[in-house]
């Protein structure tokens, strides 16, 4: 386990790199947390993937949450600042000889950001897992607009204070016009009782992607618990393992 700081959108990104006990290059899974979160929420996922033979980089987005160890505040954060953070992380590791390819894993807003980043640099992402990706956030942002189309200087989302940049960046593009540029394999998992991101947003994403599977997690809300969580991780590990030898994107810079 190694703490690694990477220059990001607002300053240094704090993250933890874990390596499996194996020889030779291995795939790296980059884990992106959701709105207001930190890497702590994904520690169980990182540990599980390492146990399955993958390396992981689990990190805090700049300004991503009140407990973030990365630079910045939530008043400065948006999906586009987070996309710049993820780009910086991919750039840091894509030519690292310890890793033979990069997988993305993102939950909620982290899934939105992962899908955006992958579409803009598909050659660097071998495959991607999205847990209940927050494709709803653009509609939510539009609902917060003033009558003249502008946004408040500050607002509240899920109990957290955001700056105007959050909403302005969210509505500056249509995510469904972007994500189709990623033609690699995508695994989407979404609860049928999700009260924050309705299932229909992932159903639409599946239709946009060239190669995507959507697993509907019965009885699950915005986040998987107990046996459902274990089943999700097992399925995700199988998905990544299938892409260790198939649909491989060679490591760049060699």
Foldseek 3Di string as FASTA:
>chain_A
DDWDWFQALAGTWTKDKDFAPDDFAAEEEEEAEAAQDWLVVCPVLQVLLSVLGYIYIGTGQAQRHPPHPGHHHQQPDALVRSLRRVVRVLVVPLQPRNHFAYEYEYAACGLLSVLQNCLVPVLRHLEYEYELYNLVVLVVLQVQADPVRAHDQWDDDPRDIYGSVHSVVSPPDRSLVRNQSRAHEYEYEYECAAPRHHPVSVVSSVVSHNHYDYHYQYPDYRDDDDPSVVVVSVVVSVVVVVSRPPSGNGRPPD
